[in-house]
Amino acid sequence: KEAPEAMVHIMAMEKYVKSLISNGS
């Protein structure tokens, strides 16, 4: 809530890591 702009970037890294797992790499 307090830093949504920063959290967007951290969550983008989370999305990248999740994509590595979901695509099997």
mmCIF file of all heavy atoms, coordinates in Angstrom:
data_MODEL
# 
_entry.id   MODEL 
# 
loop_
_atom_site.group_PDB 
_atom_site.id 
_atom_site.type_symbol 
_atom_site.label_atom_id 
_atom_site.label_alt_id 
_atom_site.label_comp_id 
_atom_site.label_asym_id 
_atom_site.label_entity_id 
_atom_site.label_seq_id 
_atom_site.pdbx_PDB_ins_code 
_atom_site.Cartn_x 
_atom_site.Cartn_y 
_atom_site.Cartn_z 
_atom_site.occupancy 
_atom_site.B_iso_or_equiv 
_atom_site.pdbx_formal_charge 
_atom_site.auth_seq_id 
_atom_site.auth_comp_id 
_atom_site.auth_asym_id 
_atom_site.auth_atom_id 
_atom_site.pdbx_PDB_model_num 
ATOM 1   N N   . LYS A 1 1  ? 0.822  -1.214  0.000   1.00 0.00 ? 1  LYS A N   1 
ATOM 2   C CA  . LYS A 1 1  ? 0.000  0.000   0.000   1.00 0.00 ? 1  LYS A CA  1 
ATOM 3   C C   . LYS A 1 1  ? 0.859  1.268   0.000   1.00 0.00 ? 1  LYS A C   1 
ATOM 4   O O   . LYS A 1 1  ? 0.557  2.234   -0.693  1.00 0.00 ? 1  LYS A O   1 
ATOM 5   C CB  . LYS A 1 1  ? -0.914 -0.007  1.233   1.00 0.00 ? 1  LYS A CB  1 
ATOM 6   C CG  . LYS A 1 1  ? -1.784 1.221   1.360   1.00 0.00 ? 1  LYS A CG  1 
ATOM 7   C CD  . LYS A 1 1  ? -2.592 1.170   2.644   1.00 0.00 ? 1  LYS A CD  1 
ATOM 8   C CE  . LYS A 1 1  ? -3.233 2.525   2.889   1.00 0.00 ? 1  LYS A CE  1 
ATOM 9   N NZ  . LYS A 1 1  ? -3.610 2.694   4.276   1.00 0.00 ? 1  LYS A NZ  1 
ATOM 10  N N   . GLU A 1 2  ? 1.919  1.270   0.773   1.00 0.00 ? 2  GLU A N   1 
ATOM 11  C CA  . GLU A 1 2  ? 2.731  2.481   0.963   1.00 0.00 ? 2  GLU A CA  1 
ATOM 12  C C   . GLU A 1 2  ? 3.688  2.761   -0.185  1.00 0.00 ? 2  GLU A C   1 
ATOM 13  O O   . GLU A 1 2  ? 4.074  3.908   -0.392  1.00 0.00 ? 2  GLU A O   1 
ATOM 14  C CB  . GLU A 1 2  ? 3.509  2.390   2.279   1.00 0.00 ? 2  GLU A CB  1 
ATOM 15  C CG  . GLU A 1 2  ? 2.627  2.290   3.509   1.00 0.00 ? 2  GLU A CG  1 
ATOM 16  C CD  . GLU A 1 2  ? 1.665  3.464   3.672   1.00 0.00 ? 2  GLU A CD  1 
ATOM 17  O OE1 . GLU A 1 2  ? 1.998  4.592   3.267   1.00 0.00 ? 2  GLU A OE1 1 
ATOM 18  O OE2 . GLU A 1 2  ? 0.565  3.237   4.214   1.00 0.00 ? 2  GLU A OE2 1 
ATOM 19  N N   . ALA A 1 3  ? 4.088  1.741   -0.915  1.00 0.00 ? 3  ALA A N   1 
ATOM 20  C CA  . ALA A 1 3  ? 5.044  1.938   -2.019  1.00 0.00 ? 3  ALA A CA  1 
ATOM 21  C C   . ALA A 1 3  ? 4.663  1.081   -3.219  1.00 0.00 ? 3  ALA A C   1 
ATOM 22  O O   . ALA A 1 3  ? 5.439  0.235   -3.670  1.00 0.00 ? 3  ALA A O   1 
ATOM 23  C CB  . ALA A 1 3  ? 6.458  1.626   -1.554  1.00 0.00 ? 3  ALA A CB  1 
ATOM 24  N N   . PRO A 1 4  ? 3.480  1.299   -3.773  1.00 0.00 ? 4  PRO A N   1 
ATOM 25  C CA  . PRO A 1 4  ? 3.035  0.442   -4.878  1.00 0.00 ? 4  PRO A CA  1 
ATOM 26  C C   . PRO A 1 4  ? 3.939  0.517   -6.101  1.00 0.00 ? 4  PRO A C   1 
ATOM 27  O O   . PRO A 1 4  ? 4.113  -0.479  -6.804  1.00 0.00 ? 4  PRO A O   1 
ATOM 28  C CB  . PRO A 1 4  ? 1.620  0.949   -5.185  1.00 0.00 ? 4  PRO A CB  1 
ATOM 29  C CG  . PRO A 1 4  ? 1.551  2.318   -4.615  1.00 0.00 ? 4  PRO A CG  1 
ATOM 30  C CD  . PRO A 1 4  ? 2.495  2.331   -3.446  1.00 0.00 ? 4  PRO A CD  1 
ATOM 31  N N   . GLU A 1 5  ? 4.549  1.663   -6.344  1.00 0.00 ? 5  GLU A N   1 
ATOM 32  C CA  . GLU A 1 5  ? 5.436  1.807   -7.506  1.00 0.00 ? 5  GLU A CA  1 
ATOM 33  C C   . GLU A 1 5  ? 6.661  0.901   -7.369  1.00 0.00 ? 5  GLU A C   1 
ATOM 34  O O   . GLU A 1 5  ? 7.093  0.279   -8.331  1.00 0.00 ? 5  GLU A O   1 
ATOM 35  C CB  . GLU A 1 5  ? 5.889  3.260   -7.688  1.00 0.00 ? 5  GLU A CB  1 
ATOM 36  C CG  . GLU A 1 5  ? 4.757  4.244   -7.868  1.00 0.00 ? 5  GLU A CG  1 
ATOM 37  C CD  . GLU A 1 5  ? 4.170  4.781   -6.548  1.00 0.00 ? 5  GLU A CD  1 
ATOM 38  O OE1 . GLU A 1 5  ? 4.622  4.362   -5.443  1.00 0.00 ? 5  GLU A OE1 1 
ATOM 39  O OE2 . GLU A 1 5  ? 3.249  5.593   -6.620  1.00 0.00 ? 5  GLU A OE2 1 
ATOM 40  N N   . ALA A 1 6  ? 7.199  0.825   -6.175  1.00 0.00 ? 6  ALA A N   1 
ATOM 41  C CA  . ALA A 1 6  ? 8.353  -0.051  -5.940  1.00 0.00 ? 6  ALA A CA  1 
ATOM 42  C C   . ALA A 1 6  ? 7.941  -1.514  -6.010  1.00 0.00 ? 6  ALA A C   1 
ATOM 43  O O   . ALA A 1 6  ? 8.650  -2.347  -6.587  1.00 0.00 ? 6  ALA A O   1 
ATOM 44  C CB  . ALA A 1 6  ? 8.979  0.258   -4.580  1.00 0.00 ? 6  ALA A CB  1 
ATOM 45  N N   . MET A 1 7  ? 6.791  -1.824  -5.461  1.00 0.00 ? 7  MET A N   1 
ATOM 46  C CA  . MET A 1 7  ? 6.340  -3.212  -5.426  1.00 0.00 ? 7  MET A CA  1 
ATOM 47  C C   . MET A 1 7  ? 6.054  -3.748  -6.830  1.00 0.00 ? 7  MET A C   1 
ATOM 48  O O   . MET A 1 7  ? 6.209  -4.947  -7.068  1.00 0.00 ? 7  MET A O   1 
ATOM 49  C CB  . MET A 1 7  ? 5.116  -3.359  -4.523  1.00 0.00 ? 7  MET A CB  1 
ATOM 50  C CG  . MET A 1 7  ? 5.417  -3.072  -3.050  1.00 0.00 ? 7  MET A CG  1 
ATOM 51  S SD  . MET A 1 7  ? 6.873  -3.944  -2.399  1.00 0.00 ? 7  MET A SD  1 
ATOM 52  C CE  . MET A 1 7  ? 6.378  -5.635  -2.605  1.00 0.00 ? 7  MET A CE  1 
ATOM 53  N N   . VAL A 1 8  ? 5.682  -2.878  -7.754  1.00 0.00 ? 8  VAL A N   1 
ATOM 54  C CA  . VAL A 1 8  ? 5.480  -3.299  -9.145  1.00 0.00 ? 8  VAL A CA  1 
ATOM 55  C C   . VAL A 1 8  ? 6.760  -3.930  -9.694  1.00 0.00 ? 8  VAL A C   1 
ATOM 56  O O   . VAL A 1 8  ? 6.717  -4.962  -10.367 1.00 0.00 ? 8  VAL A O   1 
ATOM 57  C CB  . VAL A 1 8  ? 5.040  -2.103  -10.023 1.00 0.00 ? 8  VAL A CB  1 
ATOM 58  C CG1 . VAL A 1 8  ? 5.198  -2.399  -11.505 1.00 0.00 ? 8  VAL A CG1 1 
ATOM 59  C CG2 . VAL A 1 8  ? 3.614  -1.704  -9.697  1.00 0.00 ? 8  VAL A CG2 1 
ATOM 60  N N   . HIS A 1 9  ? 7.904  -3.347  -9.360  1.00 0.00 ? 9  HIS A N   1 
ATOM 61  C CA  . HIS A 1 9  ? 9.182  -3.852  -9.873  1.00 0.00 ? 9  HIS A CA  1 
ATOM 62  C C   . HIS A 1 9  ? 9.583  -5.164  -9.203  1.00 0.00 ? 9  HIS A C   1 
ATOM 63  O O   . HIS A 1 9  ? 10.079 -6.081  -9.871  1.00 0.00 ? 9  HIS A O   1 
ATOM 64  C CB  . HIS A 1 9  ? 10.263 -2.786  -9.719  1.00 0.00 ? 9  HIS A CB  1 
ATOM 65  C CG  . HIS A 1 9  ? 9.953  -1.549  -10.494 1.00 0.00 ? 9  HIS A CG  1 
ATOM 66  N ND1 . HIS A 1 9  ? 10.018 -1.491  -11.865 1.00 0.00 ? 9  HIS A ND1 1 
ATOM 67  C CD2 . HIS A 1 9  ? 9.521  -0.334  -10.085 1.00 0.00 ? 9  HIS A CD2 1 
ATOM 68  C CE1 . HIS A 1 9  ? 9.661  -0.293  -12.280 1.00 0.00 ? 9  HIS A CE1 1 
ATOM 69  N NE2 . HIS A 1 9  ? 9.353  0.433   -11.218 1.00 0.00 ? 9  HIS A NE2 1 
ATOM 70  N N   . ILE A 1 10 ? 9.362  -5.253  -7.912  1.00 0.00 ? 10 ILE A N   1 
ATOM 71  C CA  . ILE A 1 10 ? 9.673  -6.506  -7.217  1.00 0.00 ? 10 ILE A CA  1 
ATOM 72  C C   . ILE A 1 10 ? 8.759  -7.621  -7.722  1.00 0.00 ? 10 ILE A C   1 
ATOM 73  O O   . ILE A 1 10 ? 9.198  -8.750  -7.967  1.00 0.00 ? 10 ILE A O   1 
ATOM 74  C CB  . ILE A 1 10 ? 9.571  -6.327  -5.689  1.00 0.00 ? 10 ILE A CB  1 
ATOM 75  C CG1 . ILE A 1 10 ? 10.669 -5.364  -5.210  1.00 0.00 ? 10 ILE A CG1 1 
ATOM 76  C CG2 . ILE A 1 10 ? 9.687  -7.672  -4.976  1.00 0.00 ? 10 ILE A CG2 1 
ATOM 77  C CD1 . ILE A 1 10 ? 10.575 -4.991  -3.750  1.00 0.00 ? 10 ILE A CD1 1 
ATOM 78  N N   . MET A 1 11 ? 7.498  -7.299  -7.911  1.00 0.00 ? 11 MET A N   1 
ATOM 79  C CA  . MET A 1 11 ? 6.559  -8.306  -8.415  1.00 0.00 ? 11 MET A CA  1 
ATOM 80  C C   . MET A 1 11 ? 6.868  -8.694  -9.857  1.00 0.00 ? 11 MET A C   1 
ATOM 81  O O   . MET A 1 11 ? 6.597  -9.831  -10.263 1.00 0.00 ? 11 MET A O   1 
ATOM 82  C CB  . MET A 1 11 ? 5.122  -7.819  -8.260  1.00 0.00 ? 11 MET A CB  1 
ATOM 83  C CG  . MET A 1 11 ? 4.691  -7.666  -6.797  1.00 0.00 ? 11 MET A CG  1 
ATOM 84  S SD  . MET A 1 11 ? 5.025  -9.104  -5.747  1.00 0.00 ? 11 MET A SD  1 
ATOM 85  C CE  . MET A 1 11 ? 3.883  -10.287 -6.438  1.00 0.00 ? 11 MET A CE  1 
ATOM 86  N N   . ALA A 1 12 ? 7.457  -7.784  -10.625 1.00 0.00 ? 12 ALA A N   1 
ATOM 87  C CA  . ALA A 1 12 ? 7.888  -8.141  -11.987 1.00 0.00 ? 12 ALA A CA  1 
ATOM 88  C C   . ALA A 1 12 ? 8.991  -9.197  -11.921 1.00 0.00 ? 12 ALA A C   1 
ATOM 89  O O   . ALA A 1 12 ? 9.011  -10.136 -12.730 1.00 0.00 ? 12 ALA A O   1 
ATOM 90  C CB  . ALA A 1 12 ? 8.361  -6.903  -12.744 1.00 0.00 ? 12 ALA A CB  1 
ATOM 91  N N   . MET A 1 13 ? 9.894  -9.083  -10.954 1.00 0.00 ? 13 MET A N   1 
ATOM 92  C CA  . MET A 1 13 ? 10.922 -10.116 -10.773 1.00 0.00 ? 13 MET A CA  1 
ATOM 93  C C   . MET A 1 13 ? 10.282 -11.429 -10.332 1.00 0.00 ? 13 MET A C   1 
ATOM 94  O O   . MET A 1 13 ? 10.677 -12.504 -10.785 1.00 0.00 ? 13 MET A O   1 
ATOM 95  C CB  . MET A 1 13 ? 11.977 -9.679  -9.757  1.00 0.00 ? 13 MET A CB  1 
ATOM 96  C CG  . MET A 1 13 ? 13.050 -8.776  -10.327 1.00 0.00 ? 13 MET A CG  1 
ATOM 97  S SD  . MET A 1 13 ? 14.007 -9.582  -11.641 1.00 0.00 ? 13 MET A SD  1 
ATOM 98  C CE  . MET A 1 13 ? 14.795 -10.903 -10.751 1.00 0.00 ? 13 MET A CE  1 
ATOM 99  N N   . GLU A 1 14 ? 9.278  -11.361 -9.455  1.00 0.00 ? 14 GLU A N   1 
ATOM 100 C CA  . GLU A 1 14 ? 8.541  -12.565 -9.052  1.00 0.00 ? 14 GLU A CA  1 
ATOM 101 C C   . GLU A 1 14 ? 7.902  -13.231 -10.263 1.00 0.00 ? 14 GLU A C   1 
ATOM 102 O O   . GLU A 1 14 ? 7.946  -14.451 -10.408 1.00 0.00 ? 14 GLU A O   1 
ATOM 103 C CB  . GLU A 1 14 ? 7.445  -12.227 -8.036  1.00 0.00 ? 14 GLU A CB  1 
ATOM 104 C CG  . GLU A 1 14 ? 7.869  -12.210 -6.615  1.00 0.00 ? 14 GLU A CG  1 
ATOM 105 C CD  . GLU A 1 14 ? 8.331  -13.554 -6.082  1.00 0.00 ? 14 GLU A CD  1 
ATOM 106 O OE1 . GLU A 1 14 ? 7.868  -14.629 -6.538  1.00 0.00 ? 14 GLU A OE1 1 
ATOM 107 O OE2 . GLU A 1 14 ? 9.187  -13.536 -5.200  1.00 0.00 ? 14 GLU A OE2 1 
ATOM 108 N N   . LYS A 1 15 ? 7.317  -12.424 -11.122 1.00 0.00 ? 15 LYS A N   1 
ATOM 109 C CA  . LYS A 1 15 ? 6.682  -12.951 -12.332 1.00 0.00 ? 15 LYS A CA  1 
ATOM 110 C C   . LYS A 1 15 ? 7.725  -13.642 -13.218 1.00 0.00 ? 15 LYS A C   1 
ATOM 111 O O   . LYS A 1 15 ? 7.470  -14.706 -13.782 1.00 0.00 ? 15 LYS A O   1 
ATOM 112 C CB  . LYS A 1 15 ? 5.999  -11.818 -13.091 1.00 0.00 ? 15 LYS A CB  1 
ATOM 113 C CG  . LYS A 1 15 ? 5.221  -12.274 -14.289 1.00 0.00 ? 15 LYS A CG  1 
ATOM 114 C CD  . LYS A 1 15 ? 4.501  -11.104 -14.962 1.00 0.00 ? 15 LYS A CD  1 
ATOM 115 C CE  . LYS A 1 15 ? 3.757  -11.580 -16.187 1.00 0.00 ? 15 LYS A CE  1 
ATOM 116 N NZ  . LYS A 1 15 ? 3.072  -10.486 -16.879 1.00 0.00 ? 15 LYS A NZ  1 
ATOM 117 N N   . TYR A 1 16 ? 8.916  -13.046 -13.332 1.00 0.00 ? 16 TYR A N   1 
ATOM 118 C CA  . TYR A 1 16 ? 9.987  -13.652 -14.118 1.00 0.00 ? 16 TYR A CA  1 
ATOM 119 C C   . TYR A 1 16 ? 10.375 -15.011 -13.531 1.00 0.00 ? 16 TYR A C   1 
ATOM 120 O O   . TYR A 1 16 ? 10.481 -16.005 -14.256 1.00 0.00 ? 16 TYR A O   1 
ATOM 121 C CB  . TYR A 1 16 ? 11.201 -12.721 -14.175 1.00 0.00 ? 16 TYR A CB  1 
ATOM 122 C CG  . TYR A 1 16 ? 12.375 -13.343 -14.897 1.00 0.00 ? 16 TYR A CG  1 
ATOM 123 C CD1 . TYR A 1 16 ? 12.363 -13.457 -16.283 1.00 0.00 ? 16 TYR A CD1 1 
ATOM 124 C CD2 . TYR A 1 16 ? 13.473 -13.834 -14.203 1.00 0.00 ? 16 TYR A CD2 1 
ATOM 125 C CE1 . TYR A 1 16 ? 13.422 -14.048 -16.963 1.00 0.00 ? 16 TYR A CE1 1 
ATOM 126 C CE2 . TYR A 1 16 ? 14.534 -14.426 -14.874 1.00 0.00 ? 16 TYR A CE2 1 
ATOM 127 C CZ  . TYR A 1 16 ? 14.501 -14.526 -16.253 1.00 0.00 ? 16 TYR A CZ  1 
ATOM 128 O OH  . TYR A 1 16 ? 15.547 -15.123 -16.906 1.00 0.00 ? 16 TYR A OH  1 
ATOM 129 N N   . VAL A 1 17 ? 10.560 -15.070 -12.221 1.00 0.00 ? 17 VAL A N   1 
ATOM 130 C CA  . VAL A 1 17 ? 10.938 -16.326 -11.569 1.00 0.00 ? 17 VAL A CA  1 
ATOM 131 C C   . VAL A 1 17 ? 9.834  -17.369 -11.759 1.00 0.00 ? 17 VAL A C   1 
ATOM 132 O O   . VAL A 1 17 ? 10.113 -18.526 -12.085 1.00 0.00 ? 17 VAL A O   1 
ATOM 133 C CB  . VAL A 1 17 ? 11.262 -16.102 -10.074 1.00 0.00 ? 17 VAL A CB  1 
ATOM 134 C CG1 . VAL A 1 17 ? 11.367 -17.417 -9.324  1.00 0.00 ? 17 VAL A CG1 1 
ATOM 135 C CG2 . VAL A 1 17 ? 12.559 -15.298 -9.930  1.00 0.00 ? 17 VAL A CG2 1 
ATOM 136 N N   . LYS A 1 18 ? 8.588  -16.973 -11.588 1.00 0.00 ? 18 LYS A N   1 
ATOM 137 C CA  . LYS A 1 18 ? 7.474  -17.908 -11.792 1.00 0.00 ? 18 LYS A CA  1 
ATOM 138 C C   . LYS A 1 18 ? 7.421  -18.399 -13.230 1.00 0.00 ? 18 LYS A C   1 
ATOM 139 O O   . LYS A 1 18 ? 7.092  -19.554 -13.488 1.00 0.00 ? 18 LYS A O   1 
ATOM 140 C CB  . LYS A 1 18 ? 6.153  -17.261 -11.379 1.00 0.00 ? 18 LYS A CB  1 
ATOM 141 C CG  . LYS A 1 18 ? 5.999  -17.171 -9.888  1.00 0.00 ? 18 LYS A CG  1 
ATOM 142 C CD  . LYS A 1 18 ? 4.681  -16.549 -9.481  1.00 0.00 ? 18 LYS A CD  1 
ATOM 143 C CE  . LYS A 1 18 ? 4.634  -16.460 -7.964  1.00 0.00 ? 18 LYS A CE  1 
ATOM 144 N NZ  . LYS A 1 18 ? 3.404  -15.898 -7.463  1.00 0.00 ? 18 LYS A NZ  1 
ATOM 145 N N   . SER A 1 19 ? 7.781  -17.532 -14.185 1.00 0.00 ? 19 SER A N   1 
ATOM 146 C CA  . SER A 1 19 ? 7.783  -17.948 -15.590 1.00 0.00 ? 19 SER A CA  1 
ATOM 147 C C   . SER A 1 19 ? 8.871  -18.990 -15.850 1.00 0.00 ? 19 SER A C   1 
ATOM 148 O O   . SER A 1 19 ? 8.691  -19.890 -16.659 1.00 0.00 ? 19 SER A O   1 
ATOM 149 C CB  . SER A 1 19 ? 7.949  -16.749 -16.530 1.00 0.00 ? 19 SER A CB  1 
ATOM 150 O OG  . SER A 1 19 ? 9.290  -16.287 -16.551 1.00 0.00 ? 19 SER A OG  1 
ATOM 151 N N   . LEU A 1 20 ? 9.996  -18.884 -15.168 1.00 0.00 ? 20 LEU A N   1 
ATOM 152 C CA  . LEU A 1 20 ? 11.061 -19.884 -15.304 1.00 0.00 ? 20 LEU A CA  1 
ATOM 153 C C   . LEU A 1 20 ? 10.562 -21.257 -14.870 1.00 0.00 ? 20 LEU A C   1 
ATOM 154 O O   . LEU A 1 20 ? 10.872 -22.268 -15.494 1.00 0.00 ? 20 LEU A O   1 
ATOM 155 C CB  . LEU A 1 20 ? 12.273 -19.505 -14.442 1.00 0.00 ? 20 LEU A CB  1 
ATOM 156 C CG  . LEU A 1 20 ? 13.011 -18.226 -14.778 1.00 0.00 ? 20 LEU A CG  1 
ATOM 157 C CD1 . LEU A 1 20 ? 14.073 -17.950 -13.723 1.00 0.00 ? 20 LEU A CD1 1 
ATOM 158 C CD2 . LEU A 1 20 ? 13.623 -18.312 -16.162 1.00 0.00 ? 20 LEU A CD2 1 
ATOM 159 N N   . ILE A 1 21 ? 9.793  -21.258 -13.795 1.00 0.00 ? 21 ILE A N   1 
ATOM 160 C CA  . ILE A 1 21 ? 9.262  -22.508 -13.262 1.00 0.00 ? 21 ILE A CA  1 
ATOM 161 C C   . ILE A 1 21 ? 8.167  -23.050 -14.180 1.00 0.00 ? 21 ILE A C   1 
ATOM 162 O O   . ILE A 1 21 ? 8.167  -24.224 -14.532 1.00 0.00 ? 21 ILE A O   1 
ATOM 163 C CB  . ILE A 1 21 ? 8.760  -22.298 -11.822 1.00 0.00 ? 21 ILE A CB  1 
ATOM 164 C CG1 . ILE A 1 21 ? 9.958  -21.989 -10.910 1.00 0.00 ? 21 ILE A CG1 1 
ATOM 165 C CG2 . ILE A 1 21 ? 7.979  -23.509 -11.327 1.00 0.00 ? 21 ILE A CG2 1 
ATOM 166 C CD1 . ILE A 1 21 ? 9.601  -21.405 -9.569  1.00 0.00 ? 21 ILE A CD1 1 
ATOM 167 N N   . SER A 1 22 ? 7.258  -22.183 -14.595 1.00 0.00 ? 22 SER A N   1 
ATOM 168 C CA  . SER A 1 22 ? 6.131  -22.649 -15.409 1.00 0.00 ? 22 SER A CA  1 
ATOM 169 C C   . SER A 1 22 ? 6.565  -23.114 -16.799 1.00 0.00 ? 22 SER A C   1 
ATOM 170 O O   . SER A 1 22 ? 5.952  -24.019 -17.357 1.00 0.00 ? 22 SER A O   1 
ATOM 171 C CB  . SER A 1 22 ? 5.043  -21.581 -15.509 1.00 0.00 ? 22 SER A CB  1 
ATOM 172 O OG  . SER A 1 22 ? 5.505  -20.463 -16.231 1.00 0.00 ? 22 SER A OG  1 
ATOM 173 N N   . ASN A 1 23 ? 7.639  -22.537 -17.338 1.00 0.00 ? 23 ASN A N   1 
ATOM 174 C CA  . ASN A 1 23 ? 8.081  -22.992 -18.664 1.00 0.00 ? 23 ASN A CA  1 
ATOM 175 C C   . ASN A 1 23 ? 9.081  -24.144 -18.580 1.00 0.00 ? 23 ASN A C   1 
ATOM 176 O O   . ASN A 1 23 ? 9.599  -24.603 -19.590 1.00 0.00 ? 23 ASN A O   1 
ATOM 177 C CB  . ASN A 1 23 ? 8.620  -21.832 -19.512 1.00 0.00 ? 23 ASN A CB  1 
ATOM 178 C CG  . ASN A 1 23 ? 9.982  -21.321 -19.076 1.00 0.00 ? 23 ASN A CG  1 
ATOM 179 O OD1 . ASN A 1 23 ? 10.751 -22.014 -18.416 1.00 0.00 ? 23 ASN A OD1 1 
ATOM 180 N ND2 . ASN A 1 23 ? 10.282 -20.079 -19.435 1.00 0.00 ? 23 ASN A ND2 1 
ATOM 181 N N   . GLY A 1 24 ? 9.369  -24.587 -17.360 1.00 0.00 ? 24 GLY A N   1 
ATOM 182 C CA  . GLY A 1 24 ? 10.206 -25.765 -17.176 1.00 0.00 ? 24 GLY A CA  1 
ATOM 183 C C   . GLY A 1 24 ? 11.698 -25.520 -17.189 1.00 0.00 ? 24 GLY A C   1 
ATOM 184 O O   . GLY A 1 24 ? 12.479 -26.467 -17.119 1.00 0.00 ? 24 GLY A O   1 
ATOM 185 N N   . SER A 1 25 ? 12.125 -24.264 -17.241 1.00 0.00 ? 25 SER A N   1 
ATOM 186 C CA  . SER A 1 25 ? 13.567 -24.014 -17.268 1.00 0.00 ? 25 SER A CA  1 
ATOM 187 C C   . SER A 1 25 ? 14.180 -23.957 -15.865 1.00 0.00 ? 25 SER A C   1 
ATOM 188 O O   . SER A 1 25 ? 15.400 -23.913 -15.724 1.00 0.00 ? 25 SER A O   1 
ATOM 189 C CB  . SER A 1 25 ? 13.892 -22.744 -18.057 1.00 0.00 ? 25 SER A CB  1 
ATOM 190 O OG  . SER A 1 25 ? 13.312 -21.615 -17.458 1.00 0.00 ? 25 SER A OG  1 
# 
